[in-house]
Amino acid sequence: MNIKDFLKVMKDMGFNEVIVDNNSPLNEKIKLLNQINQEIQNCTKCDLHKNRKQAVLGEGNPNSPIMFIGEAPGEEEDKQGRPFVGRAGQLLTKAIETAGYKRSDVYIANINKCRPPNNRTPTIEEQEACFPYLKRQIEIINPSVLCLLGATAYRGIFKRETKITKERGSILDYEGKKVYITYHPAFVLRNPREEPTFFEDIKKALELAFK
C-alpha cells in the first residue's frame, strides 16, 4: 500500500483529514510498511502465492498501541486486499466499536499474507515462510499489546500448538510485549454462545493497550 492508498483507506475508515509530514515518524512507518507490501505481492516463498489474487499486508493506524493478529486472508480479503472485511471481520469491527473504539484506532494483520485454498489452515511451513513479514510489521508499528485471534495466530507467534478454549483470556509475553489471547471471530460465528466472551476479551485487550 503506497501513501496515496493509505490515505484513501484512512478516509474510508473515518478520518476526514490526515496531515503527513515527510519527515515524521508516521510517514517513515508508512514507507517501511509499503516496502513490505511490495515484497509480499511478489513473494514466492511458499505455494500459497500460486492462487492468490493479491497478498494482504494489513491495515489501520501505524501508531496504534495494539495489533490484532489473525490467521490468513479469506475470499473477500483476497479480493479487496484488506484484512478482516468478510463476516468475521465485521464481527471483529463490531466488537471493537462496542468497546468504545474505532477500527481506525487499531492495526489489523494476519500471520499469513496469502489466502490458503478453500480457507484451510496454513501449514507450519507456510507460516514459517511468511512470519518474517509479520515480525517486521510488529517492529515497525511497535504496539504494546498483541491480540491473537485464534489458535493458528497463537501457533504462529509462539511456535507451539494450543487449545484456544484453554488459553483464551490469558496474558502472555512476546519479546517484551503483552499478548492477549482470544477466539478467532470465525469461531464465534460458528459458536454464537461465545460472542459475549469474545466481546469482553476484545474490550479487555483494548483497555490493556490504551490504559
C-alpha atoms as a PDB file:
ATOM      1  CA  MET A   1       0.000   0.000   0.000  1.00  0.00           C
ATOM      2  CA  ASN A   2       1.514   3.310  -1.052  1.00  0.00           C
ATOM      3  CA  ILE A   3       0.882   6.576   0.776  1.00  0.00           C
ATOM      4  CA  LYS A   4      -1.974   7.568  -1.556  1.00  0.00           C
ATOM      5  CA  ASP A   5      -3.738   4.257  -0.961  1.00  0.00           C
ATOM      6  CA  PHE A   6      -3.068   4.522   2.774  1.00  0.00           C
ATOM      7  CA  LEU A   7      -4.709   7.952   2.921  1.00  0.00           C
ATOM      8  CA  LYS A   8      -7.726   6.633   0.980  1.00  0.00           C
ATOM      9  CA  VAL A   9      -8.130   3.735   3.421  1.00  0.00           C
ATOM     10  CA  MET A  10      -7.821   6.084   6.398  1.00  0.00           C
ATOM     11  CA  LYS A  11     -10.513   8.311   4.859  1.00  0.00           C
ATOM     12  CA  ASP A  12     -12.755   5.267   4.356  1.00  0.00           C
ATOM     13  CA  MET A  13     -12.156   4.379   7.999  1.00  0.00           C
ATOM     14  CA  GLY A  14     -13.435   7.751   9.215  1.00  0.00           C
ATOM     15  CA  PHE A  15     -10.565  10.221   9.120  1.00  0.00           C
ATOM     16  CA  ASN A  16     -11.692  13.464   7.495  1.00  0.00           C
ATOM     17  CA  GLU A  17      -8.169  14.868   7.322  1.00  0.00           C
ATOM     18  CA  VAL A  18      -4.728  13.294   7.591  1.00  0.00           C
ATOM     19  CA  ILE A  19      -1.685  15.574   7.702  1.00  0.00           C
ATOM     20  CA  VAL A  20       1.534  13.827   6.710  1.00  0.00           C
ATOM     21  CA  ASP A  21       4.956  15.397   7.354  1.00  0.00           C
ATOM     22  CA  ASN A  22       7.534  13.871   5.012  1.00  0.00           C
ATOM     23  CA  ASN A  23       9.980  13.670   7.917  1.00  0.00           C
ATOM     24  CA  SER A  24       7.504  12.423  10.528  1.00  0.00           C
ATOM     25  CA  PRO A  25       7.821   9.025  12.248  1.00  0.00           C
ATOM     26  CA  LEU A  26       4.369   8.162  10.877  1.00  0.00           C
ATOM     27  CA  ASN A  27       5.462   8.802   7.313  1.00  0.00           C
ATOM     28  CA  GLU A  28       8.564   6.680   7.865  1.00  0.00           C
ATOM     29  CA  LYS A  29       6.386   3.833   9.172  1.00  0.00           C
ATOM     30  CA  ILE A  30       4.154   4.076   6.102  1.00  0.00           C
ATOM     31  CA  LYS A  31       7.209   3.902   3.824  1.00  0.00           C
ATOM     32  CA  LEU A  32       8.552   0.827   5.622  1.00  0.00           C
ATOM     33  CA  LEU A  33       5.175  -0.909   5.548  1.00  0.00           C
ATOM     34  CA  ASN A  34       4.879  -0.088   1.864  1.00  0.00           C
ATOM     35  CA  GLN A  35       8.232  -1.789   1.266  1.00  0.00           C
ATOM     36  CA  ILE A  36       6.944  -4.954   2.926  1.00  0.00           C
ATOM     37  CA  ASN A  37       3.760  -4.760   0.889  1.00  0.00           C
ATOM     38  CA  GLN A  38       5.752  -4.600  -2.346  1.00  0.00           C
ATOM     39  CA  GLU A  39       7.728  -7.651  -1.235  1.00  0.00           C
ATOM     40  CA  ILE A  40       4.707  -9.780  -0.354  1.00  0.00           C
ATOM     41  CA  GLN A  41       2.984  -9.020  -3.657  1.00  0.00           C
ATOM     42  CA  ASN A  42       5.942 -10.686  -5.374  1.00  0.00           C
ATOM     43  CA  CYS A  43       6.664 -13.343  -2.760  1.00  0.00           C
ATOM     44  CA  THR A  44       7.037 -16.970  -3.867  1.00  0.00           C
ATOM     45  CA  LYS A  45       8.407 -18.438  -0.619  1.00  0.00           C
ATOM     46  CA  CYS A  46       5.558 -20.946  -0.355  1.00  0.00           C
ATOM     47  CA  ASP A  47       2.897 -22.395  -2.656  1.00  0.00           C
ATOM     48  CA  LEU A  48       0.153 -20.057  -1.428  1.00  0.00           C
ATOM     49  CA  HIS A  49       1.269 -17.455  -3.958  1.00  0.00           C
ATOM     50  CA  LYS A  50       0.072 -19.661  -6.823  1.00  0.00           C
ATOM     51  CA  ASN A  51      -3.646 -18.995  -6.254  1.00  0.00           C
ATOM     52  CA  ARG A  52      -3.726 -15.556  -4.672  1.00  0.00           C
ATOM     53  CA  LYS A  53      -5.344 -12.547  -6.279  1.00  0.00           C
ATOM     54  CA  GLN A  54      -3.253 -10.341  -4.033  1.00  0.00           C
ATOM     55  CA  ALA A  55      -1.333 -10.606  -0.803  1.00  0.00           C
ATOM     56  CA  VAL A  56      -2.821  -8.774   2.189  1.00  0.00           C
ATOM     57  CA  LEU A  57      -0.388  -6.888   4.403  1.00  0.00           C
ATOM     58  CA  GLY A  58      -2.704  -5.336   6.999  1.00  0.00           C
ATOM     59  CA  GLU A  59      -4.329  -2.008   7.709  1.00  0.00           C
ATOM     60  CA  GLY A  60      -5.037   0.526  10.399  1.00  0.00           C
ATOM     61  CA  ASN A  61      -3.229   3.077  12.494  1.00  0.00           C
ATOM     62  CA  PRO A  62       0.557   2.542  12.222  1.00  0.00           C
ATOM     63  CA  ASN A  63       0.928   4.261  15.607  1.00  0.00           C
ATOM     64  CA  SER A  64      -1.636   2.049  17.338  1.00  0.00           C
ATOM     65  CA  PRO A  65      -0.702   0.575  20.734  1.00  0.00           C
ATOM     66  CA  ILE A  66      -2.470  -2.660  19.751  1.00  0.00           C
ATOM     67  CA  MET A  67      -2.176  -5.045  16.828  1.00  0.00           C
ATOM     68  CA  PHE A  68      -4.823  -7.698  16.192  1.00  0.00           C
ATOM     69  CA  ILE A  69      -3.342 -10.764  14.504  1.00  0.00           C
ATOM     70  CA  GLY A  70      -5.437 -13.380  12.737  1.00  0.00           C
ATOM     71  CA  GLU A  71      -4.739 -16.415  10.608  1.00  0.00           C
ATOM     72  CA  ALA A  72      -4.777 -15.582   6.878  1.00  0.00           C
ATOM     73  CA  PRO A  73      -6.885 -13.752   4.294  1.00  0.00           C
ATOM     74  CA  GLY A  74     -10.190 -15.279   3.234  1.00  0.00           C
ATOM     75  CA  GLU A  75     -12.044 -14.906  -0.049  1.00  0.00           C
ATOM     76  CA  GLU A  76     -13.160 -11.296   0.476  1.00  0.00           C
ATOM     77  CA  GLU A  77      -9.774 -10.259   1.815  1.00  0.00           C
ATOM     78  CA  ASP A  78      -8.067 -11.825  -1.196  1.00  0.00           C
ATOM     79  CA  LYS A  79     -10.369  -9.835  -3.485  1.00  0.00           C
ATOM     80  CA  GLN A  80     -10.128  -6.500  -1.684  1.00  0.00           C
ATOM     81  CA  GLY A  81      -6.545  -6.620  -0.434  1.00  0.00           C
ATOM     82  CA  ARG A  82      -7.687  -5.710   3.094  1.00  0.00           C
ATOM     83  CA  PRO A  83      -7.713  -7.848   6.262  1.00  0.00           C
ATOM     84  CA  PHE A  84     -10.886  -8.913   8.084  1.00  0.00           C
ATOM     85  CA  VAL A  85     -13.509  -7.475   5.728  1.00  0.00           C
ATOM     86  CA  GLY A  86     -15.730 -10.568   5.486  1.00  0.00           C
ATOM     87  CA  ARG A  87     -18.245 -11.742   8.090  1.00  0.00           C
ATOM     88  CA  ALA A  88     -15.542 -12.489  10.643  1.00  0.00           C
ATOM     89  CA  GLY A  89     -14.063  -9.053  10.086  1.00  0.00           C
ATOM     90  CA  GLN A  90     -17.438  -7.402  10.529  1.00  0.00           C
ATOM     91  CA  LEU A  91     -17.795  -9.159  13.884  1.00  0.00           C
ATOM     92  CA  LEU A  92     -14.324  -8.012  14.949  1.00  0.00           C
ATOM     93  CA  THR A  93     -15.155  -4.447  13.938  1.00  0.00           C
ATOM     94  CA  LYS A  94     -18.415  -4.626  15.904  1.00  0.00           C
ATOM     95  CA  ALA A  95     -16.548  -5.870  18.988  1.00  0.00           C
ATOM     96  CA  ILE A  96     -14.028  -3.020  18.714  1.00  0.00           C
ATOM     97  CA  GLU A  97     -16.798  -0.451  18.342  1.00  0.00           C
ATOM     98  CA  THR A  98     -18.849  -1.943  21.177  1.00  0.00           C
ATOM     99  CA  ALA A  99     -15.793  -1.476  23.402  1.00  0.00           C
ATOM    100  CA  GLY A 100     -15.842   2.232  22.575  1.00  0.00           C
ATOM    101  CA  TYR A 101     -13.105   2.363  19.942  1.00  0.00           C
ATOM    102  CA  LYS A 102     -12.938   2.618  16.162  1.00  0.00           C
ATOM    103  CA  ARG A 103     -11.324   0.272  13.679  1.00  0.00           C
ATOM    104  CA  SER A 104      -9.140   3.219  12.669  1.00  0.00           C
ATOM    105  CA  ASP A 105      -7.700   3.256  16.220  1.00  0.00           C
ATOM    106  CA  VAL A 106      -6.066  -0.167  15.829  1.00  0.00           C
ATOM    107  CA  TYR A 107      -3.886  -2.121  13.421  1.00  0.00           C
ATOM    108  CA  ILE A 108      -5.050  -5.458  11.994  1.00  0.00           C
ATOM    109  CA  ALA A 109      -2.903  -8.099  10.297  1.00  0.00           C
ATOM    110  CA  ASN A 110      -2.548 -11.855   9.782  1.00  0.00           C
ATOM    111  CA  ILE A 111       0.183 -14.426  10.269  1.00  0.00           C
ATOM    112  CA  ASN A 112      -0.048 -15.375   6.575  1.00  0.00           C
ATOM    113  CA  LYS A 113      -0.410 -12.804   3.833  1.00  0.00           C
ATOM    114  CA  CYS A 114      -1.886 -15.063   1.117  1.00  0.00           C
ATOM    115  CA  ARG A 115      -5.170 -16.941   1.156  1.00  0.00           C
ATOM    116  CA  PRO A 116      -4.873 -20.728   1.585  1.00  0.00           C
ATOM    117  CA  PRO A 117      -7.021 -22.800  -0.820  1.00  0.00           C
ATOM    118  CA  ASN A 118     -10.603 -23.123   0.421  1.00  0.00           C
ATOM    119  CA  ASN A 119      -9.624 -21.094   3.510  1.00  0.00           C
ATOM    120  CA  ARG A 120      -7.837 -24.064   5.054  1.00  0.00           C
ATOM    121  CA  THR A 121      -5.469 -23.562   7.987  1.00  0.00           C
ATOM    122  CA  PRO A 122      -1.953 -22.568   6.876  1.00  0.00           C
ATOM    123  CA  THR A 123       0.649 -25.271   7.383  1.00  0.00           C
ATOM    124  CA  ILE A 124       3.560 -24.782   9.757  1.00  0.00           C
ATOM    125  CA  GLU A 125       5.882 -24.455   6.753  1.00  0.00           C
ATOM    126  CA  GLU A 126       3.645 -21.775   5.206  1.00  0.00           C
ATOM    127  CA  GLN A 127       3.542 -19.898   8.494  1.00  0.00           C
ATOM    128  CA  GLU A 128       7.300 -20.017   8.912  1.00  0.00           C
ATOM    129  CA  ALA A 129       7.854 -18.762   5.363  1.00  0.00           C
ATOM    130  CA  CYS A 130       5.596 -15.760   5.956  1.00  0.00           C
ATOM    131  CA  PHE A 131       6.355 -14.944   9.591  1.00  0.00           C
ATOM    132  CA  PRO A 132       9.362 -12.647   8.918  1.00  0.00           C
ATOM    133  CA  TYR A 133       6.996 -10.196   7.209  1.00  0.00           C
ATOM    134  CA  LEU A 134       4.743 -10.035  10.268  1.00  0.00           C
ATOM    135  CA  LYS A 135       7.727  -9.732  12.587  1.00  0.00           C
ATOM    136  CA  ARG A 136       8.883  -6.688  10.647  1.00  0.00           C
ATOM    137  CA  GLN A 137       5.386  -5.210  10.863  1.00  0.00           C
ATOM    138  CA  ILE A 138       5.430  -5.650  14.627  1.00  0.00           C
ATOM    139  CA  GLU A 139       8.845  -3.986  14.835  1.00  0.00           C
ATOM    140  CA  ILE A 140       7.707  -1.036  12.692  1.00  0.00           C
ATOM    141  CA  ILE A 141       4.373  -0.415  14.410  1.00  0.00           C
ATOM    142  CA  ASN A 142       5.771  -1.323  17.848  1.00  0.00           C
ATOM    143  CA  PRO A 143       2.456  -1.894  19.645  1.00  0.00           C
ATOM    144  CA  SER A 144       2.488  -2.537  23.382  1.00  0.00           C
ATOM    145  CA  VAL A 145      -0.197  -5.246  23.014  1.00  0.00           C
ATOM    146  CA  LEU A 146      -0.693  -8.054  20.512  1.00  0.00           C
ATOM    147  CA  CYS A 147      -4.178  -9.575  20.480  1.00  0.00           C
ATOM    148  CA  LEU A 148      -4.002 -13.049  18.958  1.00  0.00           C
ATOM    149  CA  LEU A 149      -7.206 -14.214  17.289  1.00  0.00           C
ATOM    150  CA  GLY A 150      -7.340 -17.998  17.440  1.00  0.00           C
ATOM    151  CA  ALA A 151      -5.040 -20.997  17.768  1.00  0.00           C
ATOM    152  CA  THR A 152      -3.331 -20.513  14.396  1.00  0.00           C
ATOM    153  CA  ALA A 153      -2.197 -16.996  15.305  1.00  0.00           C
ATOM    154  CA  TYR A 154      -1.007 -18.373  18.648  1.00  0.00           C
ATOM    155  CA  ARG A 155       0.990 -21.087  16.871  1.00  0.00           C
ATOM    156  CA  GLY A 156       2.499 -18.532  14.510  1.00  0.00           C
ATOM    157  CA  ILE A 157       3.776 -16.349  17.336  1.00  0.00           C
ATOM    158  CA  PHE A 158       4.762 -18.911  19.961  1.00  0.00           C
ATOM    159  CA  LYS A 159       5.723 -21.826  17.660  1.00  0.00           C
ATOM    160  CA  ARG A 160       3.657 -24.343  19.572  1.00  0.00           C
ATOM    161  CA  GLU A 161       0.173 -25.795  19.409  1.00  0.00           C
ATOM    162  CA  THR A 162      -2.540 -24.898  21.900  1.00  0.00           C
ATOM    163  CA  LYS A 163      -6.239 -25.295  22.594  1.00  0.00           C
ATOM    164  CA  ILE A 164      -7.596 -21.799  22.408  1.00  0.00           C
ATOM    165  CA  THR A 165     -10.503 -22.675  24.708  1.00  0.00           C
ATOM    166  CA  LYS A 166      -7.907 -23.172  27.457  1.00  0.00           C
ATOM    167  CA  GLU A 167      -5.671 -20.226  26.600  1.00  0.00           C
ATOM    168  CA  ARG A 168      -8.251 -17.531  25.850  1.00  0.00           C
ATOM    169  CA  GLY A 169      -8.191 -14.691  28.319  1.00  0.00           C
ATOM    170  CA  SER A 170      -4.524 -15.306  29.087  1.00  0.00           C
ATOM    171  CA  ILE A 171      -1.962 -12.506  29.008  1.00  0.00           C
ATOM    172  CA  LEU A 172       1.453 -13.732  27.889  1.00  0.00           C
ATOM    173  CA  ASP A 173       4.731 -12.109  26.877  1.00  0.00           C
ATOM    174  CA  TYR A 174       6.345 -11.933  23.463  1.00  0.00           C
ATOM    175  CA  GLU A 175       9.634 -10.055  23.276  1.00  0.00           C
ATOM    176  CA  GLY A 176       8.520  -7.597  25.941  1.00  0.00           C
ATOM    177  CA  LYS A 177       5.031  -7.085  24.530  1.00  0.00           C
ATOM    178  CA  LYS A 178       1.846  -8.147  26.261  1.00  0.00           C
ATOM    179  CA  VAL A 179      -0.080 -10.766  24.317  1.00  0.00           C
ATOM    180  CA  TYR A 180      -3.814 -11.191  24.887  1.00  0.00           C
ATOM    181  CA  ILE A 181      -5.332 -14.464  23.669  1.00  0.00           C
ATOM    182  CA  THR A 182      -8.894 -14.833  22.399  1.00  0.00           C
ATOM    183  CA  TYR A 183     -11.022 -16.647  19.839  1.00  0.00           C
ATOM    184  CA  HIS A 184     -10.908 -16.031  16.120  1.00  0.00           C
ATOM    185  CA  PRO A 185     -14.156 -14.262  15.162  1.00  0.00           C
ATOM    186  CA  ALA A 186     -14.879 -17.007  12.604  1.00  0.00           C
ATOM    187  CA  PHE A 187     -15.048 -19.461  15.530  1.00  0.00           C
ATOM    188  CA  VAL A 188     -17.509 -17.143  17.261  1.00  0.00           C
ATOM    189  CA  LEU A 189     -19.703 -17.065  14.157  1.00  0.00           C
ATOM    190  CA  ARG A 190     -19.866 -20.866  14.345  1.00  0.00           C
ATOM    191  CA  ASN A 191     -20.424 -20.757  18.111  1.00  0.00           C
ATOM    192  CA  PRO A 192     -22.678 -17.752  18.791  1.00  0.00           C
ATOM    193  CA  ARG A 193     -22.879 -18.511  22.522  1.00  0.00           C
ATOM    194  CA  GLU A 194     -19.237 -17.397  22.744  1.00  0.00           C
ATOM    195  CA  GLU A 195     -19.954 -13.913  21.394  1.00  0.00           C
ATOM    196  CA  PRO A 196     -20.295 -12.214  24.829  1.00  0.00           C
ATOM    197  CA  THR A 197     -16.977 -13.742  25.917  1.00  0.00           C
ATOM    198  CA  PHE A 198     -15.304 -12.642  22.678  1.00  0.00           C
ATOM    199  CA  PHE A 199     -16.628  -9.095  23.022  1.00  0.00           C
ATOM    200  CA  GLU A 200     -15.386  -8.932  26.616  1.00  0.00           C
ATOM    201  CA  ASP A 201     -11.967 -10.225  25.559  1.00  0.00           C
ATOM    202  CA  ILE A 202     -11.653  -7.573  22.851  1.00  0.00           C
ATOM    203  CA  LYS A 203     -12.635  -4.901  25.371  1.00  0.00           C
ATOM    204  CA  LYS A 204     -10.004  -6.133  27.850  1.00  0.00           C
ATOM    205  CA  ALA A 205      -7.310  -6.231  25.169  1.00  0.00           C
ATOM    206  CA  LEU A 206      -8.128  -2.671  24.105  1.00  0.00           C
ATOM    207  CA  GLU A 207      -8.156  -1.437  27.686  1.00  0.00           C
ATOM    208  CA  LEU A 208      -4.779  -3.084  28.239  1.00  0.00           C
ATOM    209  CA  ALA A 209      -3.369  -1.226  25.238  1.00  0.00           C
ATOM    210  CA  PHE A 210      -4.988   2.177  25.722  1.00  0.00           C
ATOM    211  CA  LYS A 211      -4.755   2.443  29.524  1.00  0.00           C
END
